[in-house]
Amino acid sequence: MKMNRLAVALTAINFVLLIFVLAQSRANATQTSPQTLCARAIELVDDNGQVRAQLNVEPTAKTFL
């Protein structure tokens, strides 16, 4: 009798965990990725850590009228 109750309890716990994991994976799948990337600088770095390419946004220059 004890083994049957234990088996039923473990099965119920596993079922609840399965529902929770499926709900989490569905929530993650519905998130959309942003259409734009905002950054002030982008660097491409090689395996040695050396910067190979760099894209920076320079501050705007003041124009005199």
N, C-alpha and C. Protein backbone atom coordinates (compact mmCIF):
# COMPACT_ATOMS: atom_id res chain seq x y z
N MET A 1 0.82 -1.18 0.00
CA MET A 1 0.00 0.00 0.00
C MET A 1 0.87 1.26 0.00
N LYS A 2 1.95 1.25 0.81
CA LYS A 2 2.81 2.41 0.88
C LYS A 2 3.48 2.68 -0.47
N MET A 3 3.89 1.64 -1.17
CA MET A 3 4.56 1.80 -2.46
C MET A 3 3.60 2.39 -3.48
N ASN A 4 2.32 2.00 -3.46
CA ASN A 4 1.34 2.55 -4.39
C ASN A 4 1.13 4.04 -4.14
N ARG A 5 1.04 4.44 -2.88
CA ARG A 5 0.85 5.85 -2.55
C ARG A 5 2.08 6.65 -2.96
N LEU A 6 3.25 6.10 -2.74
CA LEU A 6 4.47 6.78 -3.12
C LEU A 6 4.56 6.94 -4.64
N ALA A 7 4.19 5.89 -5.36
CA ALA A 7 4.23 5.95 -6.82
C ALA A 7 3.23 6.98 -7.34
N VAL A 8 2.06 7.04 -6.78
CA VAL A 8 1.06 8.02 -7.20
C VAL A 8 1.52 9.43 -6.87
N ALA A 9 2.11 9.63 -5.71
CA ALA A 9 2.59 10.95 -5.32
C ALA A 9 3.72 11.40 -6.24
N LEU A 10 4.67 10.53 -6.53
CA LEU A 10 5.77 10.88 -7.43
C LEU A 10 5.27 11.15 -8.84
N THR A 11 4.30 10.40 -9.29
CA THR A 11 3.72 10.63 -10.62
C THR A 11 3.04 11.99 -10.68
N ALA A 12 2.31 12.34 -9.62
CA ALA A 12 1.63 13.65 -9.58
C ALA A 12 2.66 14.78 -9.57
N ILE A 13 3.73 14.64 -8.80
CA ILE A 13 4.77 15.67 -8.75
C ILE A 13 5.43 15.81 -10.11
N ASN A 14 5.73 14.71 -10.75
CA ASN A 14 6.35 14.75 -12.08
C ASN A 14 5.43 15.42 -13.10
N PHE A 15 4.14 15.16 -13.00
CA PHE A 15 3.18 15.76 -13.92
C PHE A 15 3.13 17.28 -13.73
N VAL A 16 3.13 17.73 -12.48
CA VAL A 16 3.11 19.17 -12.20
C VAL A 16 4.39 19.82 -12.72
N LEU A 17 5.53 19.17 -12.51
CA LEU A 17 6.79 19.71 -13.03
C LEU A 17 6.80 19.76 -14.55
N LEU A 18 6.24 18.76 -15.19
CA LEU A 18 6.16 18.74 -16.65
C LEU A 18 5.33 19.91 -17.16
N ILE A 19 4.20 20.16 -16.55
CA ILE A 19 3.34 21.27 -16.95
C ILE A 19 4.08 22.60 -16.76
N PHE A 20 4.79 22.74 -15.64
CA PHE A 20 5.54 23.97 -15.38
C PHE A 20 6.63 24.18 -16.42
N VAL A 21 7.38 23.15 -16.76
CA VAL A 21 8.46 23.28 -17.75
C VAL A 21 7.88 23.60 -19.13
N LEU A 22 6.79 22.98 -19.50
CA LEU A 22 6.17 23.27 -20.79
C LEU A 22 5.65 24.70 -20.84
N ALA A 23 5.11 25.19 -19.76
CA ALA A 23 4.62 26.57 -19.72
C ALA A 23 5.78 27.54 -19.85
N GLN A 24 6.90 27.27 -19.20
CA GLN A 24 8.07 28.13 -19.30
C GLN A 24 8.64 28.15 -20.71
N SER A 25 8.72 26.99 -21.35
CA SER A 25 9.27 26.94 -22.70
C SER A 25 8.36 27.65 -23.69
N ARG A 26 7.07 27.57 -23.49
CA ARG A 26 6.14 28.28 -24.36
C ARG A 26 6.26 29.78 -24.18
N ALA A 27 6.45 30.23 -22.93
CA ALA A 27 6.61 31.67 -22.67
C ALA A 27 7.90 32.17 -23.31
N ASN A 28 8.96 31.39 -23.27
CA ASN A 28 10.22 31.80 -23.89
C ASN A 28 10.11 31.82 -25.40
N ALA A 29 9.34 30.92 -25.98
CA ALA A 29 9.21 30.84 -27.43
C ALA A 29 8.40 32.01 -27.98
N THR A 30 7.51 32.58 -27.19
CA THR A 30 6.67 33.67 -27.69
C THR A 30 7.36 35.02 -27.62
N GLN A 31 8.49 35.12 -26.93
CA GLN A 31 9.20 36.40 -26.87
C GLN A 31 9.82 36.68 -28.22
N THR A 32 9.68 37.92 -28.67
CA THR A 32 10.23 38.29 -29.96
C THR A 32 11.54 39.02 -29.76
N SER A 33 12.39 38.90 -30.74
CA SER A 33 13.67 39.60 -30.67
C SER A 33 13.48 41.03 -31.19
N PRO A 34 14.22 41.96 -30.64
CA PRO A 34 14.08 43.35 -31.08
C PRO A 34 14.53 43.52 -32.53
N GLN A 35 13.94 44.47 -33.22
CA GLN A 35 14.25 44.71 -34.62
C GLN A 35 15.46 45.62 -34.79
N THR A 36 15.85 46.35 -33.74
CA THR A 36 16.99 47.25 -33.84
C THR A 36 17.98 46.96 -32.73
N LEU A 37 19.22 47.30 -32.98
CA LEU A 37 20.29 47.17 -32.00
C LEU A 37 20.82 48.57 -31.72
N CYS A 38 20.81 48.98 -30.46
CA CYS A 38 21.29 50.31 -30.09
C CYS A 38 22.60 50.17 -29.34
N ALA A 39 23.62 50.87 -29.83
CA ALA A 39 24.94 50.85 -29.18
C ALA A 39 25.70 52.11 -29.54
N ARG A 40 26.64 52.49 -28.70
CA ARG A 40 27.50 53.63 -28.99
C ARG A 40 28.75 53.20 -29.72
N ALA A 41 29.14 51.94 -29.54
CA ALA A 41 30.33 51.43 -30.22
C ALA A 41 30.19 49.92 -30.42
N ILE A 42 30.77 49.44 -31.53
CA ILE A 42 30.80 48.02 -31.83
C ILE A 42 32.24 47.66 -32.16
N GLU A 43 32.76 46.61 -31.55
CA GLU A 43 34.12 46.17 -31.83
C GLU A 43 34.10 44.70 -32.23
N LEU A 44 34.88 44.38 -33.26
CA LEU A 44 35.10 42.99 -33.64
C LEU A 44 36.47 42.59 -33.11
N VAL A 45 36.50 41.55 -32.29
CA VAL A 45 37.72 41.13 -31.61
C VAL A 45 38.06 39.71 -32.05
N ASP A 46 39.36 39.46 -32.33
CA ASP A 46 39.78 38.12 -32.74
C ASP A 46 40.00 37.23 -31.52
N ASP A 47 40.45 36.00 -31.76
CA ASP A 47 40.64 35.03 -30.68
C ASP A 47 41.71 35.45 -29.68
N ASN A 48 42.64 36.29 -30.10
CA ASN A 48 43.71 36.75 -29.22
C ASN A 48 43.32 37.99 -28.42
N GLY A 49 42.13 38.51 -28.63
CA GLY A 49 41.68 39.69 -27.92
C GLY A 49 42.04 40.99 -28.59
N GLN A 50 42.58 40.93 -29.79
CA GLN A 50 42.97 42.14 -30.52
C GLN A 50 41.77 42.66 -31.31
N VAL A 51 41.54 43.98 -31.20
CA VAL A 51 40.44 44.61 -31.92
C VAL A 51 40.79 44.64 -33.40
N ARG A 52 39.94 44.05 -34.22
CA ARG A 52 40.16 44.01 -35.67
C ARG A 52 39.36 45.07 -36.42
N ALA A 53 38.19 45.41 -35.91
CA ALA A 53 37.37 46.45 -36.54
C ALA A 53 36.59 47.16 -35.44
N GLN A 54 36.32 48.45 -35.68
CA GLN A 54 35.65 49.24 -34.67
C GLN A 54 34.71 50.23 -35.35
N LEU A 55 33.52 50.36 -34.81
CA LEU A 55 32.54 51.31 -35.31
C LEU A 55 32.10 52.15 -34.11
N ASN A 56 32.41 53.46 -34.16
CA ASN A 56 32.10 54.37 -33.06
C ASN A 56 31.15 55.46 -33.53
N VAL A 57 30.42 56.01 -32.59
CA VAL A 57 29.60 57.19 -32.84
C VAL A 57 30.34 58.37 -32.24
N GLU A 58 30.73 59.29 -33.09
CA GLU A 58 31.46 60.46 -32.65
C GLU A 58 30.47 61.51 -32.14
N PRO A 59 30.88 62.30 -31.14
CA PRO A 59 30.00 63.37 -30.68
C PRO A 59 29.79 64.39 -31.80
N THR A 60 28.66 65.01 -31.81
CA THR A 60 28.35 65.97 -32.88
C THR A 60 29.23 67.20 -32.74
N ALA A 61 29.71 67.68 -33.83
CA ALA A 61 30.55 68.89 -33.84
C ALA A 61 29.63 70.11 -33.83
N LYS A 62 30.03 71.13 -33.11
CA LYS A 62 29.25 72.37 -33.07
C LYS A 62 29.54 73.16 -34.32
N THR A 63 28.52 73.64 -34.92
CA THR A 63 28.69 74.48 -36.11
C THR A 63 28.49 75.93 -35.73
N PHE A 64 29.31 76.77 -36.27
CA PHE A 64 29.22 78.20 -35.99
C PHE A 64 28.56 78.90 -37.18
N LEU A 65 27.58 79.71 -36.89
CA LEU A 65 26.88 80.45 -37.94
C LEU A 65 27.26 81.89 -37.96
